[in-house]
Amino acid sequence: MVRHVNYPFSDAIKETKDGVTIDFYIVAGAKNMEIISGYNIWRKRIEAKLSQDAVFGKANKELIDELASLFVVSSNSVKIVSGLKRKQKTIKVYGVKTGDIERIIYRAINSEIT
């Protein structure tokens, strides 16, 4: 039996037939990169601070690469499905389960992983 835990940020994560979508709010050009920096309860989005500026797709590439590393998937398994040129983005991670993503994000928000 699979037990689903409802974390406070669960409303930013949605299961699809082939993966999971995650709603993000991005701060580009931050002094320190923090791929999961918290959860914004008003926007209902996971927050990420990226060290790259939002020019020529640099911040988007950093986001994809860092999420692939965090979720232990290839960069090809992480896609921006909406908000390509906006701070609010929806990311799809293919071939993963919602519970796994939630546990990884929970640990990241609670500083158990860097």
C-alpha atoms as a PDB file:
ATOM      1  CA  MET A   1       0.000   0.000   0.000  1.00  0.00           C
ATOM      2  CA  VAL A   2       1.356   3.427  -0.996  1.00  0.00           C
ATOM      3  CA  ARG A   3       0.750   6.142   1.568  1.00  0.00           C
ATOM      4  CA  HIS A   4       0.388   9.688   0.275  1.00  0.00           C
ATOM      5  CA  VAL A   5       1.480  12.404   2.703  1.00  0.00           C
ATOM      6  CA  ASN A   6      -0.057  15.836   2.225  1.00  0.00           C
ATOM      7  CA  TYR A   7       2.797  18.293   2.786  1.00  0.00           C
ATOM      8  CA  PRO A   8       1.969  22.020   2.979  1.00  0.00           C
ATOM      9  CA  PHE A   9       3.433  22.467  -0.510  1.00  0.00           C
ATOM     10  CA  SER A  10       1.577  19.528  -2.105  1.00  0.00           C
ATOM     11  CA  ASP A  11      -0.768  21.863  -3.998  1.00  0.00           C
ATOM     12  CA  ALA A  12       2.232  22.929  -6.153  1.00  0.00           C
ATOM     13  CA  ILE A  13       2.758  19.314  -7.285  1.00  0.00           C
ATOM     14  CA  LYS A  14       0.487  17.405  -9.629  1.00  0.00           C
ATOM     15  CA  GLU A  15       0.771  13.839 -10.848  1.00  0.00           C
ATOM     16  CA  THR A  16       0.366  13.180 -14.565  1.00  0.00           C
ATOM     17  CA  LYS A  17       0.231   9.909 -16.474  1.00  0.00           C
ATOM     18  CA  ASP A  18       3.931  10.098 -17.350  1.00  0.00           C
ATOM     19  CA  GLY A  19       5.461  12.110 -14.510  1.00  0.00           C
ATOM     20  CA  VAL A  20       4.894  15.052 -12.204  1.00  0.00           C
ATOM     21  CA  THR A  21       4.397  18.793 -12.728  1.00  0.00           C
ATOM     22  CA  ILE A  22       5.735  21.283 -10.203  1.00  0.00           C
ATOM     23  CA  ASP A  23       4.786  24.952 -10.001  1.00  0.00           C
ATOM     24  CA  PHE A  24       7.776  27.222  -9.290  1.00  0.00           C
ATOM     25  CA  TYR A  25       8.392  30.881  -8.551  1.00  0.00           C
ATOM     26  CA  ILE A  26      11.878  31.811  -9.792  1.00  0.00           C
ATOM     27  CA  VAL A  27      14.282  34.479  -8.562  1.00  0.00           C
ATOM     28  CA  ALA A  28      17.043  34.765 -11.185  1.00  0.00           C
ATOM     29  CA  GLY A  29      20.383  36.458 -10.570  1.00  0.00           C
ATOM     30  CA  ALA A  30      20.426  35.659  -6.854  1.00  0.00           C
ATOM     31  CA  LYS A  31      23.695  35.941  -4.950  1.00  0.00           C
ATOM     32  CA  ASN A  32      23.493  32.265  -3.933  1.00  0.00           C
ATOM     33  CA  MET A  33      21.792  29.497  -5.905  1.00  0.00           C
ATOM     34  CA  GLU A  34      19.223  27.550  -3.875  1.00  0.00           C
ATOM     35  CA  ILE A  35      17.166  25.238  -6.081  1.00  0.00           C
ATOM     36  CA  ILE A  36      14.488  24.778  -3.413  1.00  0.00           C
ATOM     37  CA  SER A  37      14.483  27.907  -1.260  1.00  0.00           C
ATOM     38  CA  GLY A  38      11.012  27.557   0.248  1.00  0.00           C
ATOM     39  CA  TYR A  39       7.302  27.567  -0.453  1.00  0.00           C
ATOM     40  CA  ASN A  40       5.157  30.618  -1.149  1.00  0.00           C
ATOM     41  CA  ILE A  41       1.740  29.940   0.377  1.00  0.00           C
ATOM     42  CA  TRP A  42       0.074  32.853  -1.455  1.00  0.00           C
ATOM     43  CA  ARG A  43       1.325  31.898  -4.910  1.00  0.00           C
ATOM     44  CA  LYS A  44       1.122  28.160  -4.098  1.00  0.00           C
ATOM     45  CA  ARG A  45       4.517  27.638  -5.700  1.00  0.00           C
ATOM     46  CA  ILE A  46       7.878  26.214  -4.720  1.00  0.00           C
ATOM     47  CA  GLU A  47      10.492  28.976  -4.718  1.00  0.00           C
ATOM     48  CA  ALA A  48      13.900  28.655  -6.372  1.00  0.00           C
ATOM     49  CA  LYS A  49      16.816  31.080  -6.357  1.00  0.00           C
ATOM     50  CA  LEU A  50      19.080  30.828  -9.382  1.00  0.00           C
ATOM     51  CA  SER A  51      22.517  32.373  -9.693  1.00  0.00           C
ATOM     52  CA  GLN A  52      22.241  32.797 -13.471  1.00  0.00           C
ATOM     53  CA  ASP A  53      20.528  35.862 -14.886  1.00  0.00           C
ATOM     54  CA  ALA A  54      17.380  35.470 -16.944  1.00  0.00           C
ATOM     55  CA  VAL A  55      19.099  36.206 -20.259  1.00  0.00           C
ATOM     56  CA  PHE A  56      19.609  33.913 -23.238  1.00  0.00           C
ATOM     57  CA  GLY A  57      17.946  31.036 -21.352  1.00  0.00           C
ATOM     58  CA  LYS A  58      20.764  30.791 -18.781  1.00  0.00           C
ATOM     59  CA  ALA A  59      18.461  30.722 -15.733  1.00  0.00           C
ATOM     60  CA  ASN A  60      16.161  28.179 -17.395  1.00  0.00           C
ATOM     61  CA  LYS A  61      19.115  25.917 -18.167  1.00  0.00           C
ATOM     62  CA  GLU A  62      20.385  26.203 -14.600  1.00  0.00           C
ATOM     63  CA  LEU A  63      16.905  25.359 -13.296  1.00  0.00           C
ATOM     64  CA  ILE A  64      16.604  22.269 -15.504  1.00  0.00           C
ATOM     65  CA  ASP A  65      20.118  21.032 -14.727  1.00  0.00           C
ATOM     66  CA  GLU A  66      19.767  21.524 -10.964  1.00  0.00           C
ATOM     67  CA  LEU A  67      16.326  19.876 -10.823  1.00  0.00           C
ATOM     68  CA  ALA A  68      17.622  16.911 -12.844  1.00  0.00           C
ATOM     69  CA  SER A  69      20.460  16.526 -10.341  1.00  0.00           C
ATOM     70  CA  LEU A  70      18.131  16.909  -7.333  1.00  0.00           C
ATOM     71  CA  PHE A  71      15.608  14.363  -8.634  1.00  0.00           C
ATOM     72  CA  VAL A  72      18.324  12.037 -10.022  1.00  0.00           C
ATOM     73  CA  VAL A  73      17.049  12.045 -13.610  1.00  0.00           C
ATOM     74  CA  SER A  74      18.600  13.145 -16.886  1.00  0.00           C
ATOM     75  CA  SER A  75      18.229  16.765 -17.989  1.00  0.00           C
ATOM     76  CA  ASN A  76      16.111  15.462 -20.877  1.00  0.00           C
ATOM     77  CA  SER A  77      13.538  14.291 -18.306  1.00  0.00           C
ATOM     78  CA  VAL A  78      12.938  17.850 -17.034  1.00  0.00           C
ATOM     79  CA  LYS A  79      10.952  20.287 -19.199  1.00  0.00           C
ATOM     80  CA  ILE A  80       9.518  23.755 -18.723  1.00  0.00           C
ATOM     81  CA  VAL A  81       5.898  23.316 -19.808  1.00  0.00           C
ATOM     82  CA  SER A  82       4.721  26.866 -19.088  1.00  0.00           C
ATOM     83  CA  GLY A  83       6.250  30.213 -18.164  1.00  0.00           C
ATOM     84  CA  LEU A  84       9.388  29.939 -20.292  1.00  0.00           C
ATOM     85  CA  LYS A  85       9.971  33.715 -20.035  1.00  0.00           C
ATOM     86  CA  ARG A  86       8.234  34.337 -16.714  1.00  0.00           C
ATOM     87  CA  LYS A  87       9.076  34.039 -13.023  1.00  0.00           C
ATOM     88  CA  GLN A  88       6.166  31.656 -12.547  1.00  0.00           C
ATOM     89  CA  LYS A  89       6.980  28.385 -14.278  1.00  0.00           C
ATOM     90  CA  THR A  90       5.545  24.911 -14.391  1.00  0.00           C
ATOM     91  CA  ILE A  91       8.134  22.174 -14.706  1.00  0.00           C
ATOM     92  CA  LYS A  92       7.406  18.603 -15.740  1.00  0.00           C
ATOM     93  CA  VAL A  93       9.632  15.795 -14.533  1.00  0.00           C
ATOM     94  CA  TYR A  94       9.096  12.625 -16.539  1.00  0.00           C
ATOM     95  CA  GLY A  95       9.304   9.109 -15.137  1.00  0.00           C
ATOM     96  CA  VAL A  96       9.008   9.986 -11.439  1.00  0.00           C
ATOM     97  CA  LYS A  97       6.358   9.492  -8.777  1.00  0.00           C
ATOM     98  CA  THR A  98       4.651  12.238  -6.792  1.00  0.00           C
ATOM     99  CA  GLY A  99       5.610  10.793  -3.399  1.00  0.00           C
ATOM    100  CA  ASP A 100       9.299  10.698  -4.326  1.00  0.00           C
ATOM    101  CA  ILE A 101       9.238  14.325  -5.494  1.00  0.00           C
ATOM    102  CA  GLU A 102       7.391  15.427  -2.344  1.00  0.00           C
ATOM    103  CA  ARG A 103       9.920  13.723  -0.055  1.00  0.00           C
ATOM    104  CA  ILE A 104      12.878  15.287  -1.888  1.00  0.00           C
ATOM    105  CA  ILE A 105      11.313  18.761  -1.780  1.00  0.00           C
ATOM    106  CA  TYR A 106      10.381  18.337   1.882  1.00  0.00           C
ATOM    107  CA  ARG A 107      14.010  17.490   2.725  1.00  0.00           C
ATOM    108  CA  ALA A 108      15.266  20.426   0.655  1.00  0.00           C
ATOM    109  CA  ILE A 109      12.911  22.903   2.309  1.00  0.00           C
ATOM    110  CA  ASN A 110      13.926  21.590   5.706  1.00  0.00           C
ATOM    111  CA  SER A 111      17.648  21.885   4.824  1.00  0.00           C
ATOM    112  CA  GLU A 112      18.390  18.171   4.996  1.00  0.00           C
ATOM    113  CA  ILE A 113      19.910  18.335   1.503  1.00  0.00           C
ATOM    114  CA  THR A 114      21.839  21.181  -0.079  1.00  0.00           C
END
